[in-house]
Every structure is written in C-alpha cells, then in structure tokens.
Amino acid sequence: MTGKTCPNCKAELKGKYWCSHCKAVFKCPLPGCETDITKPGAKDCPRCGLFFEDYLSQRKMYRCCPKCKKKQGLSEQQCRSCRHWFNCPTCGDKIPANTLLTCPRCGTGLR
C-alpha cells in the first residue's frame, strides 16, 4: 500500500500496516502474523488477538483473555487472573475455546 492513499481519510500512506492520519489498520503489525484486516474499524487482530490501540500509541503488545476479559501480554501462554490457557504448554497450538480440558492437537491436560 506504499505510495497509495487511505480508503478512509484519503491521506497518503507511508507504510503498509496502518494509516498514520486516521489510525486505520490494514495489516497486523506483529511480525510473523501480518494478517490482512478486512473488517474496517477492527479493535484487535482476528488471528493473534493484538490490541491495535495499545500497539499504535505505545507499542505495547496486549490481548484480551476470552474468559475473564482482562488484558494480558501477547507472549504469555496462560492468563494470570483466571488461568485460562491461550496456547498448549506442550505443542504450542492455539486453544480455541475456554471449556476444553485437553489440547485438541496433542491431548495434553489443560487443568
């Protein structure tokens, strides 16, 4: 998107991830994720869960726990408050629901 204009505010884009004028995000800025954001006005990445507002203003990498809705560090595997697992401690696979007792990929207990 470099050299093009923002579809929201028509300002010239300086990068490919977000518009510096209106703060609209087009691609997740997290290295390794870089998911295309198709939903305009999205608050977080649908793939990795990165909060865009915190990242754009302070370069802080946070996500929301799906169980208790508190902010957590993006690199943490387990929620500090409710102990919900974001990723399997053995294989590292993403845990899709907060009601699972075992990892769907490797069968590791998540209690």
Protein backbone atom coordinates (compact mmCIF):
# COMPACT_ATOMS: atom_id res chain seq x y z
CA MET A 1 0.00 0.00 0.00
CA THR A 2 3.02 2.28 0.00
CA GLY A 3 2.51 5.34 -2.24
CA LYS A 4 -1.28 4.91 -2.20
CA THR A 5 -3.99 6.74 -0.31
CA CYS A 6 -6.00 5.61 2.70
CA PRO A 7 -9.51 4.41 1.75
CA ASN A 8 -10.94 6.02 4.92
CA CYS A 9 -9.42 9.51 5.06
CA LYS A 10 -7.70 9.78 1.63
CA ALA A 11 -4.36 10.73 3.25
CA GLU A 12 -1.16 9.41 1.67
CA LEU A 13 0.03 6.15 3.25
CA LYS A 14 3.62 5.95 4.45
CA GLY A 15 3.59 2.22 5.31
CA LYS A 16 1.63 -0.93 4.61
CA TYR A 17 0.25 -1.66 8.09
CA TRP A 18 -1.82 1.38 9.16
CA CYS A 19 -2.70 4.97 8.25
CA SER A 20 -0.83 7.41 10.47
CA HIS A 21 -3.52 10.04 9.99
CA CYS A 22 -6.75 8.21 10.92
CA LYS A 23 -5.13 5.14 12.64
CA ALA A 24 -6.99 2.63 10.43
CA VAL A 25 -5.18 -0.73 10.43
CA PHE A 26 -4.89 -2.67 7.15
CA LYS A 27 -2.47 -5.45 8.14
CA CYS A 28 -1.49 -6.75 11.59
CA PRO A 29 1.83 -5.09 12.54
CA LEU A 30 3.00 -8.06 14.62
CA PRO A 31 5.99 -9.75 12.92
CA GLY A 32 5.05 -13.27 11.95
CA CYS A 33 1.30 -12.62 11.92
CA GLU A 34 0.73 -9.88 9.31
CA THR A 35 -2.91 -10.91 8.80
CA ASP A 36 -4.94 -8.73 6.43
CA ILE A 37 -7.60 -6.82 8.37
CA THR A 38 -10.74 -6.88 6.24
CA LYS A 39 -13.18 -5.54 8.85
CA PRO A 40 -12.95 -1.72 8.96
CA GLY A 41 -12.57 -0.30 12.46
CA ALA A 42 -11.33 -3.57 14.00
CA LYS A 43 -10.00 -3.17 17.55
CA ASP A 44 -7.87 -6.32 17.54
CA CYS A 45 -6.33 -8.86 15.18
CA PRO A 46 -8.64 -11.83 14.48
CA ARG A 47 -5.66 -14.22 14.31
CA CYS A 48 -3.27 -13.28 17.14
CA GLY A 49 -5.52 -11.01 19.25
CA LEU A 50 -3.19 -7.97 19.30
CA PHE A 51 -4.92 -4.78 20.57
CA PHE A 52 -4.26 -2.21 17.86
CA GLU A 53 -4.89 0.89 20.03
CA ASP A 54 -2.20 -0.04 22.59
CA TYR A 55 0.26 -1.01 19.88
CA LEU A 56 -0.19 2.13 17.76
CA SER A 57 0.06 4.56 20.68
CA GLN A 58 2.66 2.91 22.97
CA ARG A 59 3.98 -0.14 21.02
CA LYS A 60 2.64 -2.40 23.80
CA MET A 61 1.57 -5.92 22.82
CA TYR A 62 -1.58 -6.91 24.71
CA ARG A 63 -4.53 -9.20 24.04
CA CYS A 64 -7.81 -9.81 25.84
CA CYS A 65 -8.46 -13.06 27.72
CA PRO A 66 -11.60 -14.66 26.21
CA LYS A 67 -12.69 -15.96 29.61
CA CYS A 68 -12.21 -13.06 32.07
CA LYS A 69 -11.79 -10.20 29.51
CA LYS A 70 -8.65 -8.78 31.20
CA LYS A 71 -5.59 -7.53 29.29
CA GLN A 72 -2.70 -9.97 29.07
CA GLY A 73 0.72 -9.88 27.49
CA LEU A 74 0.79 -11.32 23.98
CA SER A 75 3.72 -13.62 24.80
CA GLU A 76 2.00 -15.24 27.81
CA GLN A 77 0.61 -18.77 27.39
CA GLN A 78 -1.78 -18.64 30.35
CA CYS A 79 -3.98 -15.86 31.80
CA ARG A 80 -2.63 -14.51 35.09
CA SER A 81 -6.12 -13.97 36.54
CA CYS A 82 -8.27 -16.97 35.60
CA ARG A 83 -5.53 -19.43 34.47
CA HIS A 84 -7.10 -19.89 31.01
CA TRP A 85 -4.62 -21.37 28.51
CA PHE A 86 -4.12 -19.35 25.29
CA ASN A 87 -1.67 -21.89 23.82
CA CYS A 88 -0.95 -25.51 24.70
CA PRO A 89 2.06 -25.77 27.07
CA THR A 90 3.35 -28.84 25.18
CA CYS A 91 2.81 -28.28 21.46
CA GLY A 92 2.09 -24.53 21.40
CA ASP A 93 -1.14 -24.92 19.40
CA LYS A 94 -3.82 -22.24 19.93
CA ILE A 95 -6.62 -23.31 22.30
CA PRO A 96 -9.85 -22.31 20.50
CA ALA A 97 -12.30 -22.44 23.45
CA ASN A 98 -12.11 -21.85 27.18
CA THR A 99 -14.11 -25.01 28.01
CA LEU A 100 -11.61 -27.55 26.66
CA LEU A 101 -9.97 -29.82 29.21
CA THR A 102 -7.36 -31.23 26.83
CA CYS A 103 -5.47 -29.89 23.83
CA PRO A 104 -7.26 -30.91 20.61
CA ARG A 105 -3.93 -31.49 18.84
CA CYS A 106 -1.78 -33.43 21.34
CA GLY A 107 -4.12 -34.34 24.21
CA THR A 108 -2.23 -32.52 27.00
CA GLY A 109 -4.37 -31.80 30.08
CA LEU A 110 -5.18 -28.10 30.49
CA ARG A 111 -6.24 -28.00 34.14
